[in-house]
Amino acid sequence: MRRRCGAGQVRAAAVRPALAALGVALVVLGCGAAPATSVLPPPASVAIVPPESGLSAAEATTVTALRQRLAGAGFQLSAVAQPVEPAVPTAFASVPNVVYRIELADPDQGFVLIYDFPDPTAASAGAGTLARFVGSGFGQTTYPADAVFSVASLGADVVFTWWSPSRASDPAAAQAAFLAVAAVGNPVPVTK
């Protein structure tokens, strides 16, 4: 389940997770399973899927928090089958991570990476390192010029996502999904 990101494979990977999420949702709805308990009640049309097996306890908690927040805004979060490699600090190369995607119309929007640090102190420091990196000129080289970033720590995890207004076919939906993710955890400001 751990993913190491690979550049250039983002678009090809976008269709499979969407189909997998649809299949899981149909199975869950078809079986009559009760929705998971959540702080934010999801809309009737959105099922909250439990975290996939193989995640650490911290990652499972983070995925659940993200799915609950996104469901409250009308979005679903699915695991990504193919690697995704955004620009991150070299110190992150050895940090285990998983990649998810918010189900949006644009295949290159809505990625959420969860970096699993050994403890909350390391995650907090890592979030600061990542925020400074993507805020720097060098850190932004692989992102669109208008990219907006969200970095937060949640327990032992760092949650990272971004969106680009110029590349979104539905900017309102992309921004709403981004803001839902940005509301999870302890945010670390990214200053460009």
N, C-alpha and C. Protein backbone atom coordinates (compact mmCIF):
# COMPACT_ATOMS: atom_id res chain seq x y z
N MET A 1 0.82 -1.19 0.00
CA MET A 1 0.00 0.00 0.00
C MET A 1 0.86 1.25 0.00
N ARG A 2 2.05 1.20 0.50
CA ARG A 2 2.93 2.36 0.50
C ARG A 2 3.27 2.70 -0.94
N ARG A 3 3.27 3.96 -1.24
CA ARG A 3 3.54 4.42 -2.60
C ARG A 3 4.81 5.24 -2.61
N ARG A 4 5.61 5.04 -3.59
CA ARG A 4 6.70 5.96 -3.92
C ARG A 4 6.25 6.61 -5.20
N CYS A 5 6.33 7.85 -5.24
CA CYS A 5 5.78 8.61 -6.35
C CYS A 5 6.65 8.49 -7.59
N GLY A 6 6.02 8.48 -8.79
CA GLY A 6 6.71 8.42 -10.07
C GLY A 6 6.15 9.47 -11.01
N ALA A 7 6.97 10.37 -11.47
CA ALA A 7 6.52 11.49 -12.29
C ALA A 7 5.93 11.00 -13.60
N GLY A 8 4.98 11.76 -14.13
CA GLY A 8 4.43 11.51 -15.44
C GLY A 8 3.35 10.45 -15.48
N GLN A 9 3.01 9.86 -14.34
CA GLN A 9 2.03 8.78 -14.35
C GLN A 9 0.70 9.22 -13.75
N VAL A 10 0.56 10.51 -13.45
CA VAL A 10 -0.61 11.00 -12.76
C VAL A 10 -1.87 10.84 -13.61
N ARG A 11 -1.84 11.27 -14.85
CA ARG A 11 -3.05 11.25 -15.68
C ARG A 11 -3.53 9.85 -15.99
N ALA A 12 -2.62 8.94 -16.28
CA ALA A 12 -3.02 7.57 -16.59
C ALA A 12 -3.64 6.88 -15.39
N ALA A 13 -3.24 7.29 -14.21
CA ALA A 13 -3.70 6.64 -12.99
C ALA A 13 -5.07 7.17 -12.54
N ALA A 14 -5.51 8.28 -13.05
CA ALA A 14 -6.69 8.93 -12.53
C ALA A 14 -7.97 8.15 -12.81
N VAL A 15 -8.08 7.45 -13.91
CA VAL A 15 -9.30 6.75 -14.28
C VAL A 15 -9.53 5.53 -13.41
N ARG A 16 -8.48 4.75 -13.17
CA ARG A 16 -8.64 3.52 -12.39
C ARG A 16 -9.15 3.77 -10.98
N PRO A 17 -8.61 4.75 -10.21
CA PRO A 17 -9.14 4.97 -8.87
C PRO A 17 -10.60 5.41 -8.89
N ALA A 18 -10.97 6.20 -9.90
CA ALA A 18 -12.35 6.65 -9.99
C ALA A 18 -13.28 5.45 -10.19
N LEU A 19 -12.91 4.54 -11.07
CA LEU A 19 -13.71 3.35 -11.28
C LEU A 19 -13.72 2.45 -10.06
N ALA A 20 -12.58 2.34 -9.38
CA ALA A 20 -12.51 1.53 -8.17
C ALA A 20 -13.39 2.13 -7.08
N ALA A 21 -13.36 3.46 -6.93
CA ALA A 21 -14.19 4.12 -5.92
C ALA A 21 -15.67 3.92 -6.22
N LEU A 22 -16.05 4.01 -7.49
CA LEU A 22 -17.42 3.79 -7.88
C LEU A 22 -17.84 2.36 -7.55
N GLY A 23 -16.96 1.40 -7.83
CA GLY A 23 -17.26 0.00 -7.53
C GLY A 23 -17.43 -0.23 -6.04
N VAL A 24 -16.55 0.35 -5.24
CA VAL A 24 -16.65 0.21 -3.77
C VAL A 24 -17.94 0.84 -3.28
N ALA A 25 -18.26 2.03 -3.80
CA ALA A 25 -19.48 2.71 -3.37
C ALA A 25 -20.71 1.88 -3.71
N LEU A 26 -20.75 1.29 -4.90
CA LEU A 26 -21.88 0.45 -5.29
C LEU A 26 -21.99 -0.78 -4.41
N VAL A 27 -20.86 -1.39 -4.07
CA VAL A 27 -20.88 -2.56 -3.20
C VAL A 27 -21.39 -2.17 -1.82
N VAL A 28 -20.86 -1.07 -1.26
CA VAL A 28 -21.28 -0.63 0.07
C VAL A 28 -22.76 -0.31 0.08
N LEU A 29 -23.22 0.44 -0.92
CA LEU A 29 -24.63 0.81 -0.98
C LEU A 29 -25.50 -0.41 -1.26
N GLY A 30 -25.03 -1.30 -2.12
CA GLY A 30 -25.79 -2.50 -2.48
C GLY A 30 -25.93 -3.46 -1.32
N CYS A 31 -24.97 -3.50 -0.42
CA CYS A 31 -25.02 -4.40 0.72
C CYS A 31 -25.83 -3.82 1.87
N GLY A 32 -26.19 -2.56 1.77
CA GLY A 32 -26.97 -1.95 2.82
C GLY A 32 -26.16 -1.67 4.07
N ALA A 33 -24.86 -1.53 3.92
CA ALA A 33 -24.01 -1.27 5.08
C ALA A 33 -24.31 0.11 5.63
N ALA A 34 -24.29 0.21 6.94
CA ALA A 34 -24.52 1.50 7.59
C ALA A 34 -23.30 2.38 7.40
N PRO A 35 -23.49 3.69 7.21
CA PRO A 35 -22.34 4.57 7.05
C PRO A 35 -21.55 4.65 8.36
N ALA A 36 -20.26 4.92 8.24
CA ALA A 36 -19.41 5.05 9.41
C ALA A 36 -19.84 6.28 10.21
N THR A 37 -19.67 6.23 11.52
CA THR A 37 -20.00 7.36 12.37
C THR A 37 -19.04 8.49 12.04
N SER A 38 -19.56 9.70 11.91
CA SER A 38 -18.72 10.83 11.57
C SER A 38 -19.12 12.05 12.37
N VAL A 39 -18.19 12.95 12.51
CA VAL A 39 -18.45 14.20 13.18
C VAL A 39 -19.32 15.08 12.29
N LEU A 40 -18.99 15.11 11.01
CA LEU A 40 -19.76 15.87 10.04
C LEU A 40 -20.66 14.90 9.30
N PRO A 41 -21.97 15.07 9.36
CA PRO A 41 -22.83 14.13 8.65
C PRO A 41 -22.67 14.30 7.14
N PRO A 42 -22.36 13.21 6.43
CA PRO A 42 -22.19 13.32 4.99
C PRO A 42 -23.54 13.44 4.30
N PRO A 43 -23.55 14.04 3.11
CA PRO A 43 -24.78 14.07 2.33
C PRO A 43 -25.21 12.64 2.03
N ALA A 44 -26.49 12.43 1.83
CA ALA A 44 -27.01 11.08 1.59
C ALA A 44 -26.36 10.42 0.38
N SER A 45 -25.87 11.20 -0.58
CA SER A 45 -25.30 10.62 -1.80
C SER A 45 -23.83 10.25 -1.66
N VAL A 46 -23.20 10.51 -0.50
CA VAL A 46 -21.77 10.25 -0.35
C VAL A 46 -21.56 9.19 0.72
N ALA A 47 -20.91 8.09 0.36
CA ALA A 47 -20.59 7.03 1.32
C ALA A 47 -19.18 7.25 1.85
N ILE A 48 -18.99 7.08 3.14
CA ILE A 48 -17.65 7.17 3.72
C ILE A 48 -17.07 5.77 3.72
N VAL A 49 -16.03 5.57 2.95
CA VAL A 49 -15.39 4.27 2.83
C VAL A 49 -14.33 4.15 3.92
N PRO A 50 -14.30 3.02 4.65
CA PRO A 50 -13.26 2.89 5.67
C PRO A 50 -11.88 2.84 5.05
N PRO A 51 -10.85 3.20 5.82
CA PRO A 51 -9.48 3.18 5.28
C PRO A 51 -9.09 1.79 4.79
N GLU A 52 -8.24 1.77 3.80
CA GLU A 52 -7.75 0.52 3.23
C GLU A 52 -6.83 -0.19 4.22
N SER A 53 -6.69 -1.49 4.07
CA SER A 53 -5.77 -2.23 4.93
C SER A 53 -4.34 -1.88 4.54
N GLY A 54 -3.41 -2.10 5.45
CA GLY A 54 -2.01 -1.82 5.18
C GLY A 54 -1.55 -0.45 5.61
N LEU A 55 -2.47 0.38 6.11
CA LEU A 55 -2.10 1.69 6.60
C LEU A 55 -1.66 1.59 8.05
N SER A 56 -0.77 2.48 8.46
CA SER A 56 -0.42 2.55 9.88
C SER A 56 -1.65 3.09 10.62
N ALA A 57 -1.64 3.00 11.94
CA ALA A 57 -2.76 3.52 12.73
C ALA A 57 -2.91 5.02 12.51
N ALA A 58 -1.79 5.75 12.44
CA ALA A 58 -1.85 7.19 12.20
C ALA A 58 -2.44 7.50 10.83
N GLU A 59 -2.00 6.76 9.80
CA GLU A 59 -2.53 6.99 8.45
C GLU A 59 -4.03 6.69 8.39
N ALA A 60 -4.46 5.61 9.03
CA ALA A 60 -5.88 5.26 9.02
C ALA A 60 -6.71 6.36 9.68
N THR A 61 -6.21 6.92 10.78
CA THR A 61 -6.89 8.02 11.46
C THR A 61 -6.96 9.25 10.55
N THR A 62 -5.86 9.54 9.87
CA THR A 62 -5.81 10.70 8.98
C THR A 62 -6.77 10.51 7.80
N VAL A 63 -6.76 9.34 7.19
CA VAL A 63 -7.65 9.06 6.06
C VAL A 63 -9.11 9.19 6.50
N THR A 64 -9.44 8.67 7.66
CA THR A 64 -10.81 8.77 8.17
C THR A 64 -11.21 10.23 8.37
N ALA A 65 -10.32 11.03 8.97
CA ALA A 65 -10.61 12.46 9.18
C ALA A 65 -10.80 13.18 7.85
N LEU A 66 -9.95 12.88 6.87
CA LEU A 66 -10.07 13.51 5.56
C LEU A 66 -11.37 13.10 4.88
N ARG A 67 -11.69 11.82 4.92
CA ARG A 67 -12.93 11.35 4.26
C ARG A 67 -14.17 11.96 4.91
N GLN A 68 -14.17 12.09 6.22
CA GLN A 68 -15.32 12.69 6.89
C GLN A 68 -15.47 14.16 6.49
N ARG A 69 -14.38 14.90 6.50
CA ARG A 69 -14.44 16.32 6.13
C ARG A 69 -14.88 16.47 4.67
N LEU A 70 -14.30 15.68 3.79
CA LEU A 70 -14.65 15.77 2.37
C LEU A 70 -16.08 15.32 2.11
N ALA A 71 -16.55 14.29 2.80
CA ALA A 71 -17.93 13.83 2.63
C ALA A 71 -18.90 14.93 3.04
N GLY A 72 -18.56 15.66 4.10
CA GLY A 72 -19.40 16.78 4.52
C GLY A 72 -19.51 17.86 3.46
N ALA A 73 -18.51 17.94 2.59
CA ALA A 73 -18.52 18.93 1.49
C ALA A 73 -19.00 18.30 0.18
N GLY A 74 -19.34 17.00 0.21
CA GLY A 74 -19.87 16.34 -0.98
C GLY A 74 -18.83 15.68 -1.87
N PHE A 75 -17.65 15.38 -1.34
CA PHE A 75 -16.57 14.78 -2.14
C PHE A 75 -16.17 13.43 -1.57
N GLN A 76 -15.56 12.62 -2.42
CA GLN A 76 -15.01 11.34 -2.00
C GLN A 76 -13.50 11.34 -2.20
N LEU A 77 -12.82 10.57 -1.37
CA LEU A 77 -11.37 10.44 -1.41
C LEU A 77 -11.05 8.98 -1.69
N SER A 78 -10.24 8.73 -2.73
CA SER A 78 -9.90 7.36 -3.13
C SER A 78 -8.39 7.18 -3.14
N ALA A 79 -7.95 5.97 -2.82
CA ALA A 79 -6.54 5.64 -2.92
C ALA A 79 -6.12 5.68 -4.38
N VAL A 80 -4.90 6.10 -4.64
CA VAL A 80 -4.37 6.17 -6.00
C VAL A 80 -3.55 4.92 -6.26
N ALA A 81 -3.82 4.26 -7.36
CA ALA A 81 -3.13 3.00 -7.68
C ALA A 81 -1.72 3.22 -8.22
N GLN A 82 -1.50 4.32 -8.91
CA GLN A 82 -0.20 4.58 -9.51
C GLN A 82 0.55 5.65 -8.71
N PRO A 83 1.87 5.62 -8.77
CA PRO A 83 2.66 6.61 -8.03
C PRO A 83 2.45 8.04 -8.52
N VAL A 84 2.57 8.97 -7.61
CA VAL A 84 2.48 10.40 -7.89
C VAL A 84 3.71 11.02 -7.24
N GLU A 85 4.42 11.88 -7.97
CA GLU A 85 5.65 12.44 -7.43
C GLU A 85 5.67 13.96 -7.51
N PRO A 86 5.11 14.62 -6.50
CA PRO A 86 5.23 16.08 -6.48
C PRO A 86 6.60 16.47 -5.96
N ALA A 87 6.96 17.71 -6.18
CA ALA A 87 8.24 18.21 -5.65
C ALA A 87 8.11 18.35 -4.13
N VAL A 88 9.01 17.69 -3.42
CA VAL A 88 9.06 17.77 -1.96
C VAL A 88 10.53 17.83 -1.55
N PRO A 89 10.81 18.22 -0.31
CA PRO A 89 12.21 18.27 0.13
C PRO A 89 12.86 16.90 0.07
N THR A 90 14.17 16.88 -0.14
CA THR A 90 14.89 15.59 -0.22
C THR A 90 14.76 14.80 1.07
N ALA A 91 14.59 15.46 2.21
CA ALA A 91 14.41 14.76 3.48
C ALA A 91 13.16 13.89 3.48
N PHE A 92 12.21 14.15 2.60
CA PHE A 92 10.98 13.38 2.53
C PHE A 92 11.15 12.07 1.75
N ALA A 93 12.28 11.89 1.09
CA ALA A 93 12.51 10.69 0.28
C ALA A 93 12.41 9.41 1.10
N SER A 94 12.77 9.46 2.37
CA SER A 94 12.74 8.26 3.21
C SER A 94 11.49 8.16 4.08
N VAL A 95 10.57 9.10 3.94
CA VAL A 95 9.36 9.10 4.76
C VAL A 95 8.28 8.28 4.04
N PRO A 96 7.74 7.25 4.70
CA PRO A 96 6.67 6.47 4.06
C PRO A 96 5.47 7.38 3.77
N ASN A 97 4.82 7.12 2.64
CA ASN A 97 3.66 7.94 2.30
C ASN A 97 2.64 7.15 1.52
N VAL A 98 1.44 7.64 1.54
CA VAL A 98 0.35 7.10 0.73
C VAL A 98 -0.25 8.26 -0.05
N VAL A 99 -0.81 7.95 -1.19
CA VAL A 99 -1.37 8.97 -2.07
C VAL A 99 -2.85 8.70 -2.28
N TYR A 100 -3.64 9.76 -2.16
CA TYR A 100 -5.07 9.70 -2.39
C TYR A 100 -5.44 10.79 -3.37
N ARG A 101 -6.65 10.69 -3.89
CA ARG A 101 -7.14 11.71 -4.81
C ARG A 101 -8.60 11.97 -4.53
N ILE A 102 -8.94 13.26 -4.49
CA ILE A 102 -10.33 13.67 -4.37
C ILE A 102 -10.96 13.48 -5.74
N GLU A 103 -12.13 12.91 -5.78
CA GLU A 103 -12.80 12.64 -7.05
C GLU A 103 -13.30 13.95 -7.66
N LEU A 104 -12.48 14.52 -8.54
CA LEU A 104 -12.80 15.75 -9.26
C LEU A 104 -12.77 15.46 -10.76
N ALA A 105 -13.33 16.37 -11.55
CA ALA A 105 -13.38 16.17 -13.00
C ALA A 105 -12.01 16.18 -13.66
N ASP A 106 -11.07 16.93 -13.10
CA ASP A 106 -9.75 17.07 -13.71
C ASP A 106 -8.79 16.03 -13.14
N PRO A 107 -8.19 15.22 -14.00
CA PRO A 107 -7.32 14.13 -13.51
C PRO A 107 -6.04 14.60 -12.84
N ASP A 108 -5.63 15.85 -13.06
CA ASP A 108 -4.41 16.33 -12.41
C ASP A 108 -4.69 17.25 -11.22
N GLN A 109 -5.90 17.22 -10.72
CA GLN A 109 -6.29 18.01 -9.54
C GLN A 109 -6.70 17.06 -8.42
N GLY A 110 -6.61 17.52 -7.18
CA GLY A 110 -7.18 16.80 -6.05
C GLY A 110 -6.29 15.78 -5.38
N PHE A 111 -4.99 15.79 -5.63
CA PHE A 111 -4.10 14.82 -4.99
C PHE A 111 -3.85 15.22 -3.54
N VAL A 112 -3.85 14.22 -2.67
CA VAL A 112 -3.58 14.40 -1.25
C VAL A 112 -2.53 13.37 -0.87
N LEU A 113 -1.41 13.85 -0.35
CA LEU A 113 -0.35 12.94 0.10
C LEU A 113 -0.30 12.96 1.61
N ILE A 114 -0.14 11.79 2.18
CA ILE A 114 -0.04 11.64 3.63
C ILE A 114 1.33 11.04 3.92
N TYR A 115 2.17 11.82 4.59
CA TYR A 115 3.51 11.38 4.96
C TYR A 115 3.46 10.92 6.41
N ASP A 116 3.93 9.70 6.67
CA ASP A 116 3.81 9.06 7.97
C ASP A 116 5.13 9.15 8.73
N PHE A 117 5.23 10.09 9.66
CA PHE A 117 6.42 10.29 10.47
C PHE A 117 6.37 9.41 11.72
N PRO A 118 7.50 9.24 12.41
CA PRO A 118 7.52 8.36 13.58
C PRO A 118 6.68 8.85 14.76
N ASP A 119 6.51 10.17 14.87
CA ASP A 119 5.76 10.71 16.01
C ASP A 119 5.27 12.13 15.67
N PRO A 120 4.37 12.67 16.50
CA PRO A 120 3.83 14.01 16.23
C PRO A 120 4.87 15.12 16.19
N THR A 121 5.91 15.02 17.00
CA THR A 121 6.95 16.06 16.98
C THR A 121 7.67 16.08 15.63
N ALA A 122 8.02 14.90 15.13
CA ALA A 122 8.68 14.80 13.82
C ALA A 122 7.74 15.27 12.71
N ALA A 123 6.45 14.96 12.84
CA ALA A 123 5.48 15.39 11.82
C ALA A 123 5.35 16.91 11.81
N SER A 124 5.32 17.51 12.98
CA SER A 124 5.21 18.97 13.06
C SER A 124 6.43 19.63 12.41
N ALA A 125 7.62 19.11 12.70
CA ALA A 125 8.84 19.64 12.08
C ALA A 125 8.83 19.40 10.57
N GLY A 126 8.38 18.22 10.15
CA GLY A 126 8.30 17.90 8.73
C GLY A 126 7.33 18.81 7.99
N ALA A 127 6.20 19.13 8.63
CA ALA A 127 5.23 20.04 8.01
C ALA A 127 5.85 21.41 7.78
N GLY A 128 6.62 21.88 8.74
CA GLY A 128 7.31 23.16 8.57
C GLY A 128 8.31 23.13 7.44
N THR A 129 9.07 22.03 7.35
CA THR A 129 10.05 21.87 6.28
C THR A 129 9.36 21.86 4.91
N LEU A 130 8.25 21.11 4.79
CA LEU A 130 7.53 21.03 3.53
C LEU A 130 6.93 22.39 3.16
N ALA A 131 6.35 23.09 4.12
CA ALA A 131 5.75 24.40 3.83
C ALA A 131 6.80 25.39 3.33
N ARG A 132 7.97 25.40 3.97
CA ARG A 132 9.04 26.30 3.50
C ARG A 132 9.50 25.91 2.10
N PHE A 133 9.59 24.60 1.83
CA PHE A 133 10.06 24.13 0.54
C PHE A 133 9.11 24.55 -0.59
N VAL A 134 7.80 24.23 -0.44
CA VAL A 134 6.88 24.56 -1.53
C VAL A 134 6.63 26.06 -1.62
N GLY A 135 6.96 26.80 -0.58
CA GLY A 135 6.86 28.25 -0.64
C GLY A 135 8.04 28.89 -1.34
N SER A 136 9.14 28.14 -1.47
CA SER A 136 10.34 28.68 -2.11
C SER A 136 10.21 28.61 -3.63
N GLY A 137 10.99 29.40 -4.32
CA GLY A 137 10.97 29.37 -5.78
C GLY A 137 11.34 28.00 -6.32
N PHE A 138 12.38 27.38 -5.74
CA PHE A 138 12.80 26.06 -6.20
C PHE A 138 11.72 25.02 -5.96
N GLY A 139 11.06 25.10 -4.83
CA GLY A 139 10.02 24.13 -4.49
C GLY A 139 8.80 24.20 -5.38
N GLN A 140 8.60 25.30 -6.07
CA GLN A 140 7.43 25.48 -6.91
C GLN A 140 7.66 25.13 -8.37
N THR A 141 8.84 24.66 -8.71
CA THR A 141 9.18 24.46 -10.12
C THR A 141 8.32 23.43 -10.84
N THR A 142 7.76 22.46 -10.14
CA THR A 142 6.95 21.44 -10.83
C THR A 142 5.46 21.67 -10.67
N TYR A 143 5.07 22.81 -10.11
CA TYR A 143 3.66 23.13 -9.92
C TYR A 143 3.28 24.28 -10.83
N PRO A 144 1.99 24.41 -11.18
CA PRO A 144 1.56 25.57 -11.95
C PRO A 144 1.87 26.86 -11.18
N ALA A 145 2.05 27.95 -11.89
CA ALA A 145 2.42 29.23 -11.26
C ALA A 145 1.38 29.69 -10.26
N ASP A 146 0.11 29.35 -10.49
CA ASP A 146 -0.95 29.80 -9.58
C ASP A 146 -1.33 28.74 -8.54
N ALA A 147 -0.49 27.73 -8.35
CA ALA A 147 -0.80 26.67 -7.39
C ALA A 147 -0.95 27.23 -5.99
N VAL A 148 -1.95 26.71 -5.29
CA VAL A 148 -2.21 27.06 -3.89
C VAL A 148 -1.96 25.79 -3.10
N PHE A 149 -1.19 25.89 -2.01
CA PHE A 149 -0.76 24.72 -1.24
C PHE A 149 -1.41 24.68 0.13
N SER A 150 -1.59 23.46 0.63
CA SER A 150 -2.02 23.24 2.00
C SER A 150 -1.09 22.19 2.62
N VAL A 151 -0.50 22.56 3.75
CA VAL A 151 0.35 21.65 4.52
C VAL A 151 -0.17 21.68 5.94
N ALA A 152 -0.37 20.50 6.53
CA ALA A 152 -0.84 20.42 7.91
C ALA A 152 -0.27 19.18 8.56
N SER A 153 -0.15 19.22 9.87
CA SER A 153 0.21 18.02 10.61
C SER A 153 -1.02 17.54 11.35
N LEU A 154 -1.15 16.23 11.43
CA LEU A 154 -2.25 15.60 12.16
C LEU A 154 -1.66 14.37 12.84
N GLY A 155 -1.46 14.46 14.13
CA GLY A 155 -0.80 13.37 14.84
C GLY A 155 0.60 13.19 14.29
N ALA A 156 0.93 11.96 13.88
CA ALA A 156 2.26 11.66 13.34
C ALA A 156 2.32 11.83 11.82
N ASP A 157 1.29 12.39 11.23
CA ASP A 157 1.23 12.52 9.77
C ASP A 157 1.33 13.98 9.32
N VAL A 158 1.80 14.15 8.08
CA VAL A 158 1.75 15.43 7.39
C VAL A 158 0.83 15.25 6.20
N VAL A 159 -0.15 16.14 6.07
CA VAL A 159 -1.11 16.11 4.96
C VAL A 159 -0.75 17.23 4.00
N PHE A 160 -0.59 16.89 2.72
CA PHE A 160 -0.17 17.85 1.71
C PHE A 160 -1.08 17.76 0.50
N THR A 161 -1.58 18.91 0.05
CA THR A 161 -2.38 18.98 -1.17
C THR A 161 -2.18 20.34 -1.82
N TRP A 162 -2.64 20.47 -3.04
CA TRP A 162 -2.54 21.72 -3.79
C TRP A 162 -3.63 21.73 -4.85
N TRP A 163 -3.89 22.91 -5.39
CA TRP A 163 -4.80 23.02 -6.53
C TRP A 163 -4.39 24.23 -7.36
N SER A 164 -4.82 24.23 -8.60
CA SER A 164 -4.48 25.29 -9.53
C SER A 164 -5.77 25.85 -10.14
N PRO A 165 -6.13 27.11 -9.85
CA PRO A 165 -7.33 27.69 -10.44
C PRO A 165 -7.32 27.67 -11.97
N SER A 166 -6.17 27.89 -12.59
CA SER A 166 -6.12 27.95 -14.05
C SER A 166 -6.26 26.59 -14.70
N ARG A 167 -6.04 25.53 -13.98
CA ARG A 167 -6.13 24.19 -14.56
C ARG A 167 -7.39 23.44 -14.17
N ALA A 168 -8.25 24.06 -13.41
CA ALA A 168 -9.48 23.41 -12.97
C ALA A 168 -10.62 23.74 -13.92
N SER A 169 -11.29 22.71 -14.44
CA SER A 169 -12.45 22.96 -15.29
C SER A 169 -13.64 23.42 -14.46
N ASP A 170 -13.63 23.09 -13.16
CA ASP A 170 -14.65 23.55 -12.23
C ASP A 170 -13.92 24.14 -11.01
N PRO A 171 -13.45 25.39 -11.13
CA PRO A 171 -12.67 25.99 -10.05
C PRO A 171 -13.39 26.01 -8.70
N ALA A 172 -14.71 26.21 -8.71
CA ALA A 172 -15.45 26.25 -7.45
C ALA A 172 -15.38 24.91 -6.73
N ALA A 173 -15.56 23.81 -7.46
CA ALA A 173 -15.48 22.48 -6.85
C ALA A 173 -14.06 22.17 -6.39
N ALA A 174 -13.07 22.49 -7.21
CA ALA A 174 -11.68 22.22 -6.84
C ALA A 174 -11.29 23.01 -5.59
N GLN A 175 -11.72 24.26 -5.51
CA GLN A 175 -11.41 25.07 -4.35
C GLN A 175 -12.14 24.55 -3.11
N ALA A 176 -13.39 24.15 -3.25
CA ALA A 176 -14.15 23.62 -2.12
C ALA A 176 -13.50 22.34 -1.57
N ALA A 177 -13.04 21.47 -2.47
CA ALA A 177 -12.36 20.24 -2.04
C ALA A 177 -11.05 20.58 -1.34
N PHE A 178 -10.30 21.51 -1.92
CA PHE A 178 -9.04 21.94 -1.33
C PHE A 178 -9.26 22.50 0.08
N LEU A 179 -10.27 23.35 0.25
CA LEU A 179 -10.55 23.95 1.54
C LEU A 179 -10.98 22.91 2.57
N ALA A 180 -11.69 21.88 2.12
CA ALA A 180 -12.09 20.80 3.03
C ALA A 180 -10.86 20.08 3.57
N VAL A 181 -9.90 19.77 2.68
CA VAL A 181 -8.66 19.11 3.13
C VAL A 181 -7.87 20.04 4.03
N ALA A 182 -7.80 21.32 3.65
CA ALA A 182 -7.03 22.29 4.43
C ALA A 182 -7.58 22.48 5.83
N ALA A 183 -8.83 22.09 6.08
CA ALA A 183 -9.44 22.22 7.40
C ALA A 183 -9.10 21.06 8.33
N VAL A 184 -8.35 20.08 7.85
CA VAL A 184 -8.00 18.91 8.66
C VAL A 184 -6.58 19.08 9.20
N GLY A 185 -6.42 18.93 10.49
CA GLY A 185 -5.10 18.99 11.11
C GLY A 185 -4.71 20.40 11.53
N ASN A 186 -3.43 20.53 11.87
CA ASN A 186 -2.86 21.80 12.29
C ASN A 186 -2.16 22.44 11.10
N PRO A 187 -2.74 23.47 10.50
CA PRO A 187 -2.18 24.04 9.28
C PRO A 187 -0.84 24.73 9.52
N VAL A 188 0.02 24.65 8.51
CA VAL A 188 1.28 25.37 8.50
C VAL A 188 1.24 26.27 7.28
N PRO A 189 1.30 27.59 7.46
CA PRO A 189 1.17 28.50 6.32
C PRO A 189 2.30 28.30 5.29
N VAL A 190 1.91 28.39 4.03
CA VAL A 190 2.87 28.34 2.92
C VAL A 190 2.92 29.75 2.35
N THR A 191 4.08 30.37 2.45
CA THR A 191 4.26 31.73 1.95
C THR A 191 5.11 31.69 0.71
N LYS A 192 4.55 32.15 -0.42
CA LYS A 192 5.29 32.17 -1.68
C LYS A 192 6.14 33.42 -1.75
